[in-house]
Amino acid sequence: MTWLVALTAALGTAATGPALPAAAQADSLMAVTRRATAQWMAHDFAGLLGSGEAVMVHLPGAEPSSPLRPAHAAELLGEFAEDTRELDLTVLVVRKVDPDRAYVEAQRDYQVLSTAVQRTETLYLGFRRVGTSWHLVEIRALP
């Protein structure tokens, strides 16, 4: 996987406050991002979504979902990706919107199985912080 990360509003400086807590938060978000991209590449959608938070899913050609149980969202994503092979997932941006919300923008390169057709789409993963951990709450795939 290729990583090009623009991490904004996450690392503190002497002028804006202590760096250690902000850096720890950034590392936590970065760890969740690494895990999420590895799970997407492996099509491990049950692992990606876990068993907790409801997830909104927006896939090309479909209306955005209402919040889905993780098992239902994993099934939907599995159907979406079942005829594809992941080639690369490049993280372009990891951004904290506020202390409790963040998103990841990634470029997904994949091949349609049984063809030589390669395609690219943009994935947005929305996270919400609950306590000290980040939870995936939204997935958008855009052509």
N, C-alpha and C. Protein backbone atom coordinates (compact mmCIF):
# COMPACT_ATOMS: atom_id res chain seq x y z
N MET A 1 0.83 -1.18 0.00
CA MET A 1 0.00 0.00 0.00
C MET A 1 0.87 1.25 0.00
N THR A 2 0.43 2.23 -0.70
CA THR A 2 1.15 3.49 -0.75
C THR A 2 0.50 4.45 0.23
N TRP A 3 1.31 5.19 0.97
CA TRP A 3 0.78 6.13 1.94
C TRP A 3 1.25 7.54 1.62
N LEU A 4 0.30 8.41 1.31
CA LEU A 4 0.56 9.82 1.16
C LEU A 4 -0.43 10.48 2.10
N VAL A 5 0.06 10.96 3.21
CA VAL A 5 -0.85 11.40 4.26
C VAL A 5 -0.69 12.88 4.53
N ALA A 6 -1.80 13.59 4.50
CA ALA A 6 -1.83 14.98 4.92
C ALA A 6 -2.59 15.00 6.22
N LEU A 7 -1.89 15.00 7.31
CA LEU A 7 -2.51 14.94 8.63
C LEU A 7 -2.60 16.36 9.15
N THR A 8 -3.80 16.89 9.21
CA THR A 8 -3.97 18.27 9.63
C THR A 8 -4.69 18.33 10.96
N ALA A 9 -4.40 19.37 11.70
CA ALA A 9 -5.06 19.62 12.99
C ALA A 9 -4.91 18.48 13.96
N ALA A 10 -3.85 17.71 13.84
CA ALA A 10 -3.68 16.58 14.75
C ALA A 10 -2.42 16.68 15.58
N LEU A 11 -1.39 17.30 15.08
CA LEU A 11 -0.14 17.36 15.82
C LEU A 11 0.00 18.73 16.46
N GLY A 12 0.13 18.74 17.77
CA GLY A 12 0.27 19.99 18.50
C GLY A 12 1.68 20.53 18.38
N THR A 13 1.83 21.80 18.67
CA THR A 13 3.15 22.41 18.73
C THR A 13 3.25 23.16 20.03
N ALA A 14 4.42 23.67 20.33
CA ALA A 14 4.60 24.42 21.57
C ALA A 14 3.67 25.62 21.62
N ALA A 15 3.39 26.21 20.47
CA ALA A 15 2.53 27.39 20.44
C ALA A 15 1.06 27.03 20.64
N THR A 16 0.64 25.83 20.26
CA THR A 16 -0.78 25.49 20.33
C THR A 16 -1.11 24.55 21.47
N GLY A 17 -0.13 24.09 22.20
CA GLY A 17 -0.41 23.20 23.31
C GLY A 17 0.52 22.02 23.31
N PRO A 18 0.35 21.13 24.27
CA PRO A 18 1.25 20.00 24.40
C PRO A 18 1.15 19.06 23.21
N ALA A 19 2.30 18.60 22.72
CA ALA A 19 2.32 17.74 21.54
C ALA A 19 1.98 16.30 21.87
N LEU A 20 2.31 15.81 23.05
CA LEU A 20 2.15 14.39 23.33
C LEU A 20 0.71 13.91 23.23
N PRO A 21 -0.27 14.55 23.88
CA PRO A 21 -1.64 14.04 23.74
C PRO A 21 -2.13 14.09 22.30
N ALA A 22 -1.86 15.15 21.57
CA ALA A 22 -2.31 15.24 20.19
C ALA A 22 -1.62 14.18 19.34
N ALA A 23 -0.34 13.96 19.57
CA ALA A 23 0.38 12.94 18.80
C ALA A 23 -0.18 11.56 19.11
N ALA A 24 -0.53 11.31 20.36
CA ALA A 24 -1.11 10.02 20.72
C ALA A 24 -2.44 9.84 20.01
N GLN A 25 -3.24 10.90 19.93
CA GLN A 25 -4.51 10.82 19.22
C GLN A 25 -4.27 10.56 17.74
N ALA A 26 -3.29 11.24 17.16
CA ALA A 26 -2.98 11.05 15.74
C ALA A 26 -2.52 9.63 15.49
N ASP A 27 -1.66 9.09 16.36
CA ASP A 27 -1.21 7.71 16.19
C ASP A 27 -2.38 6.76 16.26
N SER A 28 -3.31 7.01 17.16
CA SER A 28 -4.48 6.16 17.27
C SER A 28 -5.29 6.20 15.98
N LEU A 29 -5.51 7.36 15.45
CA LEU A 29 -6.25 7.51 14.20
C LEU A 29 -5.47 6.87 13.05
N MET A 30 -4.16 7.05 13.04
CA MET A 30 -3.34 6.44 12.00
C MET A 30 -3.38 4.91 12.10
N ALA A 31 -3.36 4.38 13.31
CA ALA A 31 -3.42 2.93 13.49
C ALA A 31 -4.76 2.38 12.97
N VAL A 32 -5.84 3.08 13.26
CA VAL A 32 -7.16 2.67 12.79
C VAL A 32 -7.19 2.75 11.26
N THR A 33 -6.59 3.77 10.69
CA THR A 33 -6.53 3.92 9.23
C THR A 33 -5.76 2.77 8.60
N ARG A 34 -4.61 2.44 9.16
CA ARG A 34 -3.81 1.32 8.62
C ARG A 34 -4.60 0.01 8.67
N ARG A 35 -5.24 -0.23 9.81
CA ARG A 35 -6.02 -1.45 9.98
C ARG A 35 -7.19 -1.49 8.98
N ALA A 36 -7.87 -0.37 8.83
CA ALA A 36 -9.03 -0.30 7.92
C ALA A 36 -8.61 -0.55 6.47
N THR A 37 -7.50 0.05 6.05
CA THR A 37 -7.07 -0.17 4.66
C THR A 37 -6.64 -1.62 4.44
N ALA A 38 -5.98 -2.21 5.41
CA ALA A 38 -5.57 -3.63 5.27
C ALA A 38 -6.81 -4.52 5.20
N GLN A 39 -7.82 -4.23 6.01
CA GLN A 39 -9.04 -5.03 5.99
C GLN A 39 -9.79 -4.85 4.68
N TRP A 40 -9.83 -3.65 4.14
CA TRP A 40 -10.48 -3.44 2.84
C TRP A 40 -9.73 -4.22 1.77
N MET A 41 -8.41 -4.13 1.75
CA MET A 41 -7.62 -4.84 0.74
C MET A 41 -7.88 -6.35 0.79
N ALA A 42 -8.12 -6.89 1.98
CA ALA A 42 -8.38 -8.32 2.14
C ALA A 42 -9.87 -8.66 1.99
N HIS A 43 -10.69 -7.65 1.73
CA HIS A 43 -12.15 -7.81 1.68
C HIS A 43 -12.67 -8.41 2.99
N ASP A 44 -12.06 -8.03 4.10
CA ASP A 44 -12.50 -8.45 5.43
C ASP A 44 -13.44 -7.37 5.97
N PHE A 45 -14.64 -7.32 5.41
CA PHE A 45 -15.56 -6.26 5.77
C PHE A 45 -16.16 -6.46 7.17
N ALA A 46 -16.31 -7.70 7.60
CA ALA A 46 -16.77 -7.95 8.97
C ALA A 46 -15.73 -7.42 9.95
N GLY A 47 -14.46 -7.64 9.68
CA GLY A 47 -13.40 -7.10 10.54
C GLY A 47 -13.33 -5.59 10.48
N LEU A 48 -13.54 -5.04 9.30
CA LEU A 48 -13.51 -3.59 9.11
C LEU A 48 -14.58 -2.91 9.96
N LEU A 49 -15.77 -3.51 10.00
CA LEU A 49 -16.91 -2.87 10.66
C LEU A 49 -17.06 -3.26 12.11
N GLY A 50 -16.47 -4.37 12.52
CA GLY A 50 -16.59 -4.79 13.91
C GLY A 50 -18.02 -5.16 14.26
N SER A 51 -18.37 -4.99 15.51
CA SER A 51 -19.71 -5.40 15.95
C SER A 51 -20.44 -4.28 16.69
N GLY A 52 -19.91 -3.07 16.63
CA GLY A 52 -20.49 -2.01 17.45
C GLY A 52 -21.39 -1.04 16.74
N GLU A 53 -20.79 0.01 16.21
CA GLU A 53 -21.52 1.15 15.67
C GLU A 53 -22.32 0.82 14.40
N ALA A 54 -23.47 1.47 14.26
CA ALA A 54 -24.20 1.41 12.99
C ALA A 54 -23.40 2.20 11.96
N VAL A 55 -23.49 1.80 10.70
CA VAL A 55 -22.66 2.37 9.65
C VAL A 55 -23.54 2.82 8.49
N MET A 56 -23.29 4.02 7.99
CA MET A 56 -23.95 4.50 6.77
C MET A 56 -23.08 4.08 5.60
N VAL A 57 -23.70 3.57 4.54
CA VAL A 57 -22.97 3.11 3.37
C VAL A 57 -23.55 3.80 2.14
N HIS A 58 -22.64 4.37 1.33
CA HIS A 58 -23.06 5.00 0.07
C HIS A 58 -22.18 4.44 -1.03
N LEU A 59 -22.78 3.64 -1.92
CA LEU A 59 -22.05 3.00 -3.00
C LEU A 59 -22.51 3.55 -4.34
N PRO A 60 -21.65 3.50 -5.35
CA PRO A 60 -22.03 4.03 -6.67
C PRO A 60 -23.30 3.36 -7.19
N GLY A 61 -24.19 4.18 -7.74
CA GLY A 61 -25.41 3.67 -8.33
C GLY A 61 -26.51 3.36 -7.33
N ALA A 62 -26.30 3.68 -6.07
CA ALA A 62 -27.32 3.39 -5.05
C ALA A 62 -27.50 4.62 -4.16
N GLU A 63 -28.67 4.72 -3.60
CA GLU A 63 -28.93 5.79 -2.64
C GLU A 63 -28.17 5.51 -1.35
N PRO A 64 -27.77 6.54 -0.62
CA PRO A 64 -27.11 6.31 0.67
C PRO A 64 -28.04 5.53 1.59
N SER A 65 -27.47 4.66 2.37
CA SER A 65 -28.27 3.85 3.28
C SER A 65 -28.59 4.63 4.54
N SER A 66 -29.60 4.19 5.24
CA SER A 66 -29.77 4.63 6.61
C SER A 66 -28.72 3.85 7.40
N PRO A 67 -28.46 4.21 8.64
CA PRO A 67 -27.45 3.46 9.40
C PRO A 67 -27.80 1.96 9.44
N LEU A 68 -26.80 1.14 9.11
CA LEU A 68 -26.97 -0.31 9.06
C LEU A 68 -26.22 -0.98 10.20
N ARG A 69 -26.73 -2.11 10.64
CA ARG A 69 -25.98 -2.92 11.59
C ARG A 69 -24.69 -3.35 10.90
N PRO A 70 -23.59 -3.51 11.63
CA PRO A 70 -22.33 -3.88 11.00
C PRO A 70 -22.41 -5.15 10.15
N ALA A 71 -23.12 -6.17 10.60
CA ALA A 71 -23.22 -7.42 9.83
C ALA A 71 -23.91 -7.18 8.48
N HIS A 72 -24.95 -6.35 8.48
CA HIS A 72 -25.67 -6.04 7.23
C HIS A 72 -24.79 -5.20 6.31
N ALA A 73 -24.09 -4.22 6.87
CA ALA A 73 -23.20 -3.38 6.07
C ALA A 73 -22.06 -4.22 5.48
N ALA A 74 -21.52 -5.17 6.26
CA ALA A 74 -20.44 -6.04 5.78
C ALA A 74 -20.93 -6.89 4.61
N GLU A 75 -22.15 -7.39 4.71
CA GLU A 75 -22.73 -8.18 3.63
C GLU A 75 -22.88 -7.34 2.36
N LEU A 76 -23.37 -6.12 2.52
CA LEU A 76 -23.54 -5.20 1.39
C LEU A 76 -22.19 -4.90 0.72
N LEU A 77 -21.16 -4.62 1.53
CA LEU A 77 -19.84 -4.35 0.98
C LEU A 77 -19.24 -5.59 0.31
N GLY A 78 -19.50 -6.75 0.88
CA GLY A 78 -19.03 -8.00 0.28
C GLY A 78 -19.62 -8.21 -1.10
N GLU A 79 -20.90 -7.94 -1.25
CA GLU A 79 -21.55 -8.05 -2.55
C GLU A 79 -20.99 -7.02 -3.54
N PHE A 80 -20.74 -5.83 -3.03
CA PHE A 80 -20.18 -4.75 -3.85
C PHE A 80 -18.81 -5.12 -4.40
N ALA A 81 -17.98 -5.78 -3.61
CA ALA A 81 -16.59 -6.06 -3.98
C ALA A 81 -16.34 -7.49 -4.44
N GLU A 82 -17.38 -8.33 -4.48
CA GLU A 82 -17.16 -9.75 -4.73
C GLU A 82 -16.55 -10.06 -6.09
N ASP A 83 -16.80 -9.29 -7.09
CA ASP A 83 -16.26 -9.56 -8.42
C ASP A 83 -15.04 -8.69 -8.73
N THR A 84 -14.33 -8.26 -7.69
CA THR A 84 -13.16 -7.41 -7.89
C THR A 84 -11.95 -7.98 -7.16
N ARG A 85 -10.79 -7.54 -7.62
CA ARG A 85 -9.53 -7.85 -6.95
C ARG A 85 -8.85 -6.52 -6.68
N GLU A 86 -8.52 -6.30 -5.42
CA GLU A 86 -7.88 -5.04 -5.03
C GLU A 86 -6.45 -5.01 -5.57
N LEU A 87 -6.08 -3.89 -6.18
CA LEU A 87 -4.72 -3.70 -6.66
C LEU A 87 -3.93 -2.80 -5.72
N ASP A 88 -4.57 -1.73 -5.24
CA ASP A 88 -3.91 -0.81 -4.32
C ASP A 88 -4.98 0.04 -3.64
N LEU A 89 -4.65 0.50 -2.47
CA LEU A 89 -5.50 1.43 -1.75
C LEU A 89 -4.56 2.49 -1.18
N THR A 90 -4.56 3.65 -1.80
CA THR A 90 -3.64 4.72 -1.44
C THR A 90 -4.37 5.73 -0.57
N VAL A 91 -3.92 5.89 0.65
CA VAL A 91 -4.51 6.88 1.54
C VAL A 91 -3.99 8.25 1.12
N LEU A 92 -4.91 9.15 0.81
CA LEU A 92 -4.55 10.48 0.36
C LEU A 92 -4.62 11.49 1.50
N VAL A 93 -5.63 11.38 2.35
CA VAL A 93 -5.83 12.35 3.43
C VAL A 93 -6.36 11.63 4.66
N VAL A 94 -5.83 12.00 5.80
CA VAL A 94 -6.39 11.63 7.10
C VAL A 94 -6.61 12.95 7.81
N ARG A 95 -7.86 13.27 8.13
CA ARG A 95 -8.13 14.61 8.68
C ARG A 95 -9.10 14.53 9.84
N LYS A 96 -8.72 15.17 10.92
CA LYS A 96 -9.65 15.34 12.04
C LYS A 96 -10.51 16.55 11.75
N VAL A 97 -11.81 16.37 11.75
CA VAL A 97 -12.74 17.46 11.50
C VAL A 97 -12.94 18.25 12.79
N ASP A 98 -13.04 17.54 13.88
CA ASP A 98 -13.10 18.12 15.20
C ASP A 98 -12.57 17.05 16.15
N PRO A 99 -12.53 17.29 17.46
CA PRO A 99 -11.92 16.30 18.35
C PRO A 99 -12.55 14.91 18.30
N ASP A 100 -13.80 14.81 17.88
CA ASP A 100 -14.49 13.52 17.89
C ASP A 100 -14.88 12.99 16.52
N ARG A 101 -14.48 13.66 15.45
CA ARG A 101 -14.82 13.20 14.10
C ARG A 101 -13.60 13.32 13.20
N ALA A 102 -13.46 12.33 12.32
CA ALA A 102 -12.34 12.34 11.37
C ALA A 102 -12.77 11.60 10.11
N TYR A 103 -12.04 11.85 9.03
CA TYR A 103 -12.30 11.08 7.83
C TYR A 103 -10.98 10.73 7.15
N VAL A 104 -11.06 9.68 6.36
CA VAL A 104 -9.94 9.22 5.55
C VAL A 104 -10.40 9.23 4.11
N GLU A 105 -9.60 9.81 3.24
CA GLU A 105 -9.86 9.77 1.80
C GLU A 105 -8.80 8.87 1.19
N ALA A 106 -9.23 7.90 0.40
CA ALA A 106 -8.29 6.96 -0.21
C ALA A 106 -8.67 6.71 -1.66
N GLN A 107 -7.68 6.39 -2.46
CA GLN A 107 -7.91 6.01 -3.84
C GLN A 107 -7.82 4.50 -3.95
N ARG A 108 -8.90 3.90 -4.41
CA ARG A 108 -8.97 2.45 -4.57
C ARG A 108 -8.73 2.09 -6.04
N ASP A 109 -7.71 1.28 -6.28
CA ASP A 109 -7.45 0.75 -7.61
C ASP A 109 -7.78 -0.73 -7.56
N TYR A 110 -8.63 -1.18 -8.48
CA TYR A 110 -9.06 -2.57 -8.46
C TYR A 110 -9.27 -3.08 -9.88
N GLN A 111 -9.34 -4.39 -9.99
CA GLN A 111 -9.57 -5.04 -11.27
C GLN A 111 -10.90 -5.78 -11.19
N VAL A 112 -11.67 -5.67 -12.24
CA VAL A 112 -12.90 -6.43 -12.34
C VAL A 112 -12.50 -7.85 -12.74
N LEU A 113 -12.89 -8.83 -11.92
CA LEU A 113 -12.50 -10.21 -12.20
C LEU A 113 -13.08 -10.68 -13.53
N SER A 114 -12.41 -11.60 -14.15
CA SER A 114 -12.75 -12.19 -15.44
C SER A 114 -12.58 -11.19 -16.59
N THR A 115 -11.97 -10.04 -16.31
CA THR A 115 -11.65 -9.08 -17.36
C THR A 115 -10.28 -8.50 -17.05
N ALA A 116 -9.77 -7.74 -17.97
CA ALA A 116 -8.52 -7.03 -17.73
C ALA A 116 -8.79 -5.58 -17.34
N VAL A 117 -10.05 -5.25 -17.11
CA VAL A 117 -10.45 -3.88 -16.83
C VAL A 117 -9.98 -3.49 -15.42
N GLN A 118 -9.25 -2.38 -15.37
CA GLN A 118 -8.83 -1.82 -14.08
C GLN A 118 -9.56 -0.50 -13.89
N ARG A 119 -10.00 -0.28 -12.67
CA ARG A 119 -10.76 0.93 -12.37
C ARG A 119 -10.21 1.60 -11.11
N THR A 120 -10.59 2.84 -10.96
CA THR A 120 -10.21 3.63 -9.79
C THR A 120 -11.44 4.30 -9.24
N GLU A 121 -11.55 4.34 -7.93
CA GLU A 121 -12.61 5.10 -7.29
C GLU A 121 -12.07 5.69 -6.00
N THR A 122 -12.81 6.64 -5.47
CA THR A 122 -12.43 7.28 -4.22
C THR A 122 -13.26 6.71 -3.10
N LEU A 123 -12.59 6.37 -2.01
CA LEU A 123 -13.28 5.91 -0.80
C LEU A 123 -13.14 6.98 0.27
N TYR A 124 -14.23 7.24 0.97
CA TYR A 124 -14.22 8.09 2.15
C TYR A 124 -14.67 7.24 3.32
N LEU A 125 -13.87 7.21 4.36
CA LEU A 125 -14.22 6.48 5.57
C LEU A 125 -14.39 7.51 6.68
N GLY A 126 -15.58 7.56 7.25
CA GLY A 126 -15.86 8.51 8.33
C GLY A 126 -15.74 7.82 9.67
N PHE A 127 -15.04 8.45 10.59
CA PHE A 127 -14.83 7.89 11.92
C PHE A 127 -15.37 8.83 12.99
N ARG A 128 -15.82 8.22 14.07
CA ARG A 128 -16.27 8.98 15.25
C ARG A 128 -15.51 8.42 16.44
N ARG A 129 -15.01 9.31 17.28
CA ARG A 129 -14.29 8.87 18.46
C ARG A 129 -15.27 8.63 19.58
N VAL A 130 -15.15 7.48 20.18
CA VAL A 130 -15.95 7.12 21.36
C VAL A 130 -14.94 6.78 22.44
N GLY A 131 -14.91 7.59 23.47
CA GLY A 131 -13.90 7.39 24.51
C GLY A 131 -12.52 7.61 23.93
N THR A 132 -11.69 6.58 23.98
CA THR A 132 -10.33 6.71 23.45
C THR A 132 -10.13 5.99 22.12
N SER A 133 -11.20 5.49 21.52
CA SER A 133 -11.03 4.75 20.26
C SER A 133 -11.89 5.35 19.15
N TRP A 134 -11.46 5.10 17.92
CA TRP A 134 -12.16 5.58 16.74
C TRP A 134 -13.02 4.46 16.18
N HIS A 135 -14.27 4.80 15.79
CA HIS A 135 -15.21 3.82 15.23
C HIS A 135 -15.62 4.27 13.84
N LEU A 136 -15.63 3.33 12.91
CA LEU A 136 -16.07 3.60 11.54
C LEU A 136 -17.58 3.76 11.54
N VAL A 137 -18.06 4.90 11.04
CA VAL A 137 -19.49 5.17 11.04
C VAL A 137 -20.05 5.48 9.65
N GLU A 138 -19.16 5.63 8.66
CA GLU A 138 -19.63 5.93 7.31
C GLU A 138 -18.62 5.46 6.28
N ILE A 139 -19.13 4.91 5.18
CA ILE A 139 -18.29 4.51 4.04
C ILE A 139 -18.95 5.05 2.79
N ARG A 140 -18.17 5.77 2.00
CA ARG A 140 -18.64 6.28 0.70
C ARG A 140 -17.65 5.84 -0.38
N ALA A 141 -18.16 5.29 -1.44
CA ALA A 141 -17.35 4.93 -2.60
C ALA A 141 -17.87 5.74 -3.77
N LEU A 142 -16.99 6.51 -4.39
CA LEU A 142 -17.37 7.38 -5.50
C LEU A 142 -16.51 7.08 -6.71
N PRO A 143 -17.13 6.94 -7.87
CA PRO A 143 -16.35 6.65 -9.09
C PRO A 143 -15.42 7.81 -9.47
